Amino acid sequence: MNTNRQLLVLTHLSQLLTAITGFGGLIVPLVIWISKKDEDYQMDEQGKAIINFQLSLIVNFIICIPLILIFGLGLLGFLILGIVSVLLPIINAIKASHGENPTYPLSYIFIN
């Protein structure tokens, strides 16, 4: 199977669409992963990790909403999740460009 590092990097960076435009950070990587997962084993593995990470972010943001009422912990959660949602895709895009295996820690496994 062929490995297309540029497409892997683009897939990781496409998660930043949510931070830039407010949407697309889940849809664009999902479309790329679905269309290319059979052609590249790394795309399949990393695509699953990206989708699991994006779904985990959504769940964690939803969990933070009621936590706002408890001493504002939800606001701290929003801040931390916001930073993580920008930094990890950039770090993992760099790793993918160097041929390393990117990871998204603390992601729930929705797609195995």
N, C-alpha and C. Protein backbone atom coordinates (compact mmCIF):
# COMPACT_ATOMS: atom_id res chain seq x y z
N MET A 1 0.83 -1.18 0.00
CA MET A 1 0.00 0.00 0.00
C MET A 1 0.87 1.25 0.00
N ASN A 2 0.38 2.30 -0.58
CA ASN A 2 1.12 3.54 -0.73
C ASN A 2 0.80 4.49 0.43
N THR A 3 1.81 5.23 0.86
CA THR A 3 1.62 6.22 1.92
C THR A 3 1.74 7.61 1.33
N ASN A 4 0.73 8.41 1.51
CA ASN A 4 0.72 9.78 1.03
C ASN A 4 0.83 10.70 2.24
N ARG A 5 2.05 11.11 2.58
CA ARG A 5 2.27 11.92 3.77
C ARG A 5 1.59 13.27 3.68
N GLN A 6 1.56 13.85 2.50
CA GLN A 6 0.92 15.17 2.36
C GLN A 6 -0.56 15.10 2.70
N LEU A 7 -1.22 14.04 2.26
CA LEU A 7 -2.64 13.89 2.57
C LEU A 7 -2.84 13.63 4.06
N LEU A 8 -1.94 12.88 4.68
CA LEU A 8 -2.03 12.66 6.13
C LEU A 8 -1.88 13.98 6.87
N VAL A 9 -0.91 14.79 6.47
CA VAL A 9 -0.70 16.09 7.11
C VAL A 9 -1.94 16.97 6.92
N LEU A 10 -2.47 16.99 5.71
CA LEU A 10 -3.67 17.77 5.43
C LEU A 10 -4.85 17.30 6.27
N THR A 11 -4.97 16.01 6.45
CA THR A 11 -6.06 15.46 7.25
C THR A 11 -5.94 15.91 8.71
N HIS A 12 -4.73 15.86 9.25
CA HIS A 12 -4.53 16.33 10.63
C HIS A 12 -4.83 17.82 10.74
N LEU A 13 -4.33 18.60 9.79
CA LEU A 13 -4.54 20.05 9.85
C LEU A 13 -5.98 20.46 9.57
N SER A 14 -6.72 19.62 8.86
CA SER A 14 -8.12 19.97 8.56
C SER A 14 -8.97 20.05 9.83
N GLN A 15 -8.48 19.48 10.92
CA GLN A 15 -9.20 19.59 12.19
C GLN A 15 -9.26 21.03 12.69
N LEU A 16 -8.31 21.85 12.24
CA LEU A 16 -8.26 23.24 12.67
C LEU A 16 -9.37 24.08 12.06
N LEU A 17 -10.12 23.52 11.12
CA LEU A 17 -11.24 24.25 10.52
C LEU A 17 -12.25 24.69 11.58
N THR A 18 -12.43 23.89 12.60
CA THR A 18 -13.37 24.26 13.66
C THR A 18 -12.90 25.51 14.37
N ALA A 19 -11.61 25.61 14.64
CA ALA A 19 -11.08 26.80 15.32
C ALA A 19 -11.13 28.03 14.41
N ILE A 20 -11.00 27.81 13.10
CA ILE A 20 -10.95 28.93 12.16
C ILE A 20 -12.36 29.35 11.73
N THR A 21 -13.18 28.40 11.34
CA THR A 21 -14.49 28.72 10.78
C THR A 21 -15.66 28.39 11.70
N GLY A 22 -15.44 27.57 12.72
CA GLY A 22 -16.51 27.18 13.62
C GLY A 22 -17.12 25.83 13.28
N PHE A 23 -16.77 25.27 12.14
CA PHE A 23 -17.28 23.95 11.76
C PHE A 23 -16.31 23.32 10.76
N GLY A 24 -16.49 22.05 10.51
CA GLY A 24 -15.70 21.35 9.51
C GLY A 24 -14.57 20.51 10.07
N GLY A 25 -14.23 20.69 11.33
CA GLY A 25 -13.12 19.96 11.92
C GLY A 25 -13.38 18.48 12.09
N LEU A 26 -14.62 18.07 12.03
CA LEU A 26 -14.97 16.65 12.07
C LEU A 26 -15.35 16.16 10.69
N ILE A 27 -16.08 16.95 9.95
CA ILE A 27 -16.61 16.52 8.65
C ILE A 27 -15.51 16.32 7.62
N VAL A 28 -14.59 17.26 7.49
CA VAL A 28 -13.54 17.16 6.46
C VAL A 28 -12.63 15.96 6.70
N PRO A 29 -12.09 15.77 7.93
CA PRO A 29 -11.27 14.56 8.13
C PRO A 29 -12.08 13.27 7.94
N LEU A 30 -13.35 13.29 8.30
CA LEU A 30 -14.20 12.12 8.13
C LEU A 30 -14.35 11.78 6.65
N VAL A 31 -14.58 12.78 5.81
CA VAL A 31 -14.72 12.55 4.37
C VAL A 31 -13.40 12.04 3.78
N ILE A 32 -12.28 12.65 4.18
CA ILE A 32 -10.97 12.21 3.67
C ILE A 32 -10.71 10.77 4.10
N TRP A 33 -10.97 10.48 5.37
CA TRP A 33 -10.72 9.13 5.88
C TRP A 33 -11.58 8.09 5.17
N ILE A 34 -12.87 8.38 5.02
CA ILE A 34 -13.76 7.42 4.36
C ILE A 34 -13.34 7.18 2.91
N SER A 35 -12.90 8.23 2.23
CA SER A 35 -12.57 8.09 0.81
C SER A 35 -11.20 7.46 0.58
N LYS A 36 -10.28 7.54 1.54
CA LYS A 36 -8.91 7.07 1.32
C LYS A 36 -8.47 5.92 2.23
N LYS A 37 -9.33 5.47 3.14
CA LYS A 37 -8.90 4.46 4.11
C LYS A 37 -8.52 3.12 3.49
N ASP A 38 -9.11 2.79 2.36
CA ASP A 38 -8.81 1.51 1.71
C ASP A 38 -7.53 1.56 0.89
N GLU A 39 -7.06 2.76 0.57
CA GLU A 39 -5.87 2.91 -0.26
C GLU A 39 -4.59 2.98 0.57
N ASP A 40 -4.69 3.35 1.83
CA ASP A 40 -3.49 3.60 2.64
C ASP A 40 -3.77 3.15 4.08
N TYR A 41 -2.98 2.19 4.56
CA TYR A 41 -3.21 1.68 5.91
C TYR A 41 -2.96 2.76 6.96
N GLN A 42 -2.00 3.67 6.71
CA GLN A 42 -1.75 4.74 7.67
C GLN A 42 -2.92 5.71 7.72
N MET A 43 -3.54 5.96 6.59
CA MET A 43 -4.72 6.82 6.57
C MET A 43 -5.84 6.19 7.39
N ASP A 44 -5.98 4.88 7.30
CA ASP A 44 -7.01 4.20 8.07
C ASP A 44 -6.75 4.35 9.57
N GLU A 45 -5.52 4.07 10.00
CA GLU A 45 -5.17 4.18 11.42
C GLU A 45 -5.28 5.61 11.92
N GLN A 46 -4.64 6.54 11.21
CA GLN A 46 -4.63 7.92 11.67
C GLN A 46 -5.99 8.58 11.51
N GLY A 47 -6.74 8.19 10.49
CA GLY A 47 -8.09 8.72 10.33
C GLY A 47 -8.99 8.33 11.48
N LYS A 48 -8.89 7.08 11.92
CA LYS A 48 -9.67 6.63 13.07
C LYS A 48 -9.28 7.42 14.32
N ALA A 49 -7.98 7.65 14.49
CA ALA A 49 -7.51 8.41 15.65
C ALA A 49 -8.04 9.84 15.61
N ILE A 50 -8.06 10.44 14.42
CA ILE A 50 -8.56 11.81 14.27
C ILE A 50 -10.05 11.87 14.58
N ILE A 51 -10.81 10.95 14.03
CA ILE A 51 -12.26 10.95 14.27
C ILE A 51 -12.56 10.70 15.75
N ASN A 52 -11.85 9.75 16.36
CA ASN A 52 -12.04 9.50 17.79
C ASN A 52 -11.70 10.74 18.61
N PHE A 53 -10.62 11.45 18.24
CA PHE A 53 -10.22 12.67 18.94
C PHE A 53 -11.30 13.75 18.81
N GLN A 54 -11.80 13.94 17.60
CA GLN A 54 -12.82 14.97 17.38
C GLN A 54 -14.11 14.65 18.14
N LEU A 55 -14.52 13.39 18.11
CA LEU A 55 -15.72 13.00 18.86
C LEU A 55 -15.50 13.14 20.37
N SER A 56 -14.28 12.83 20.83
CA SER A 56 -13.95 12.99 22.24
C SER A 56 -14.01 14.46 22.65
N LEU A 57 -13.53 15.35 21.78
CA LEU A 57 -13.61 16.78 22.07
C LEU A 57 -15.06 17.22 22.21
N ILE A 58 -15.91 16.75 21.32
CA ILE A 58 -17.33 17.12 21.38
C ILE A 58 -17.94 16.66 22.70
N VAL A 59 -17.69 15.40 23.07
CA VAL A 59 -18.22 14.87 24.33
C VAL A 59 -17.69 15.67 25.51
N ASN A 60 -16.39 15.96 25.51
CA ASN A 60 -15.81 16.70 26.63
C ASN A 60 -16.33 18.14 26.71
N PHE A 61 -16.55 18.78 25.57
CA PHE A 61 -17.14 20.12 25.59
C PHE A 61 -18.55 20.07 26.17
N ILE A 62 -19.32 19.04 25.82
CA ILE A 62 -20.68 18.90 26.36
C ILE A 62 -20.63 18.66 27.87
N ILE A 63 -19.66 17.88 28.33
CA ILE A 63 -19.50 17.63 29.77
C ILE A 63 -19.16 18.92 30.51
N CYS A 64 -18.42 19.82 29.86
CA CYS A 64 -18.02 21.07 30.51
C CYS A 64 -19.19 22.03 30.72
N ILE A 65 -20.24 21.91 29.94
CA ILE A 65 -21.36 22.85 30.06
C ILE A 65 -21.97 22.85 31.46
N PRO A 66 -22.37 21.69 32.02
CA PRO A 66 -22.92 21.75 33.39
C PRO A 66 -21.85 22.05 34.44
N LEU A 67 -20.59 21.79 34.12
CA LEU A 67 -19.52 22.07 35.09
C LEU A 67 -19.28 23.57 35.28
N ILE A 68 -19.84 24.39 34.40
CA ILE A 68 -19.71 25.84 34.58
C ILE A 68 -20.39 26.26 35.88
N LEU A 69 -21.46 25.57 36.25
CA LEU A 69 -22.19 25.91 37.47
C LEU A 69 -21.43 25.53 38.73
N ILE A 70 -20.46 24.62 38.61
CA ILE A 70 -19.68 24.19 39.77
C ILE A 70 -18.37 24.97 39.80
N PHE A 71 -18.40 26.12 40.41
CA PHE A 71 -17.22 26.97 40.58
C PHE A 71 -16.53 27.32 39.26
N GLY A 72 -17.26 27.31 38.18
CA GLY A 72 -16.68 27.70 36.90
C GLY A 72 -15.69 26.70 36.32
N LEU A 73 -15.70 25.47 36.80
CA LEU A 73 -14.77 24.46 36.30
C LEU A 73 -14.94 24.22 34.81
N GLY A 74 -16.15 24.39 34.32
CA GLY A 74 -16.41 24.20 32.89
C GLY A 74 -15.66 25.20 32.04
N LEU A 75 -15.51 26.43 32.55
CA LEU A 75 -14.76 27.45 31.81
C LEU A 75 -13.29 27.06 31.69
N LEU A 76 -12.73 26.52 32.77
CA LEU A 76 -11.35 26.03 32.72
C LEU A 76 -11.26 24.86 31.75
N GLY A 77 -12.26 23.99 31.76
CA GLY A 77 -12.30 22.87 30.83
C GLY A 77 -12.36 23.34 29.39
N PHE A 78 -13.19 24.37 29.11
CA PHE A 78 -13.27 24.93 27.76
C PHE A 78 -11.91 25.47 27.32
N LEU A 79 -11.23 26.17 28.22
CA LEU A 79 -9.92 26.73 27.89
C LEU A 79 -8.91 25.63 27.56
N ILE A 80 -8.85 24.63 28.41
CA ILE A 80 -7.90 23.52 28.20
C ILE A 80 -8.23 22.76 26.91
N LEU A 81 -9.51 22.46 26.70
CA LEU A 81 -9.90 21.74 25.49
C LEU A 81 -9.63 22.57 24.24
N GLY A 82 -9.82 23.88 24.33
CA GLY A 82 -9.53 24.75 23.19
C GLY A 82 -8.07 24.72 22.82
N ILE A 83 -7.20 24.78 23.82
CA ILE A 83 -5.76 24.73 23.56
C ILE A 83 -5.36 23.38 22.98
N VAL A 84 -5.87 22.31 23.58
CA VAL A 84 -5.55 20.96 23.12
C VAL A 84 -6.05 20.73 21.70
N SER A 85 -7.24 21.27 21.38
CA SER A 85 -7.81 21.05 20.05
C SER A 85 -7.05 21.77 18.95
N VAL A 86 -6.23 22.75 19.31
CA VAL A 86 -5.39 23.44 18.33
C VAL A 86 -3.98 22.85 18.29
N LEU A 87 -3.42 22.58 19.45
CA LEU A 87 -2.03 22.11 19.51
C LEU A 87 -1.84 20.69 19.00
N LEU A 88 -2.68 19.76 19.42
CA LEU A 88 -2.47 18.35 19.04
C LEU A 88 -2.54 18.12 17.53
N PRO A 89 -3.49 18.71 16.80
CA PRO A 89 -3.46 18.50 15.34
C PRO A 89 -2.19 19.05 14.68
N ILE A 90 -1.67 20.16 15.18
CA ILE A 90 -0.44 20.72 14.61
C ILE A 90 0.74 19.81 14.91
N ILE A 91 0.85 19.39 16.17
CA ILE A 91 1.95 18.49 16.57
C ILE A 91 1.88 17.19 15.78
N ASN A 92 0.68 16.63 15.64
CA ASN A 92 0.54 15.36 14.93
C ASN A 92 0.72 15.50 13.43
N ALA A 93 0.41 16.66 12.87
CA ALA A 93 0.69 16.90 11.45
C ALA A 93 2.19 16.92 11.21
N ILE A 94 2.93 17.51 12.12
CA ILE A 94 4.40 17.52 12.02
C ILE A 94 4.94 16.10 12.13
N LYS A 95 4.41 15.33 13.09
CA LYS A 95 4.84 13.93 13.23
C LYS A 95 4.54 13.14 11.96
N ALA A 96 3.35 13.33 11.40
CA ALA A 96 2.98 12.61 10.18
C ALA A 96 3.87 12.99 9.01
N SER A 97 4.29 14.24 8.94
CA SER A 97 5.16 14.68 7.85
C SER A 97 6.54 14.06 7.94
N HIS A 98 6.95 13.68 9.15
CA HIS A 98 8.25 13.03 9.35
C HIS A 98 8.14 11.51 9.34
N GLY A 99 6.95 10.99 9.08
CA GLY A 99 6.77 9.54 9.01
C GLY A 99 6.57 8.88 10.36
N GLU A 100 6.41 9.67 11.41
CA GLU A 100 6.17 9.11 12.74
C GLU A 100 4.69 8.79 12.90
N ASN A 101 4.37 8.03 13.92
CA ASN A 101 2.99 7.64 14.18
C ASN A 101 2.38 8.60 15.20
N PRO A 102 1.49 9.50 14.76
CA PRO A 102 0.88 10.46 15.68
C PRO A 102 -0.09 9.79 16.65
N THR A 103 -0.24 10.39 17.82
CA THR A 103 -1.17 9.88 18.81
C THR A 103 -2.02 11.02 19.36
N TYR A 104 -3.21 10.69 19.76
CA TYR A 104 -4.10 11.63 20.41
C TYR A 104 -4.44 11.07 21.78
N PRO A 105 -3.70 11.51 22.81
CA PRO A 105 -3.94 10.97 24.15
C PRO A 105 -5.31 11.40 24.68
N LEU A 106 -5.83 10.62 25.59
CA LEU A 106 -7.10 10.87 26.27
C LEU A 106 -8.30 10.89 25.34
N SER A 107 -8.18 10.22 24.20
CA SER A 107 -9.32 10.10 23.29
C SER A 107 -10.11 8.85 23.64
N TYR A 108 -11.43 9.00 23.60
CA TYR A 108 -12.29 7.84 23.76
C TYR A 108 -12.28 7.07 22.45
N ILE A 109 -12.49 5.76 22.53
CA ILE A 109 -12.49 4.95 21.31
C ILE A 109 -13.94 4.74 20.85
N PHE A 110 -14.32 5.46 19.83
CA PHE A 110 -15.63 5.30 19.22
C PHE A 110 -15.55 4.39 18.01
N ILE A 111 -14.48 4.55 17.23
CA ILE A 111 -14.24 3.75 16.03
C ILE A 111 -12.98 2.94 16.27
N ASN A 112 -13.09 1.62 16.15
CA ASN A 112 -11.94 0.78 16.42
C ASN A 112 -11.40 0.18 15.16
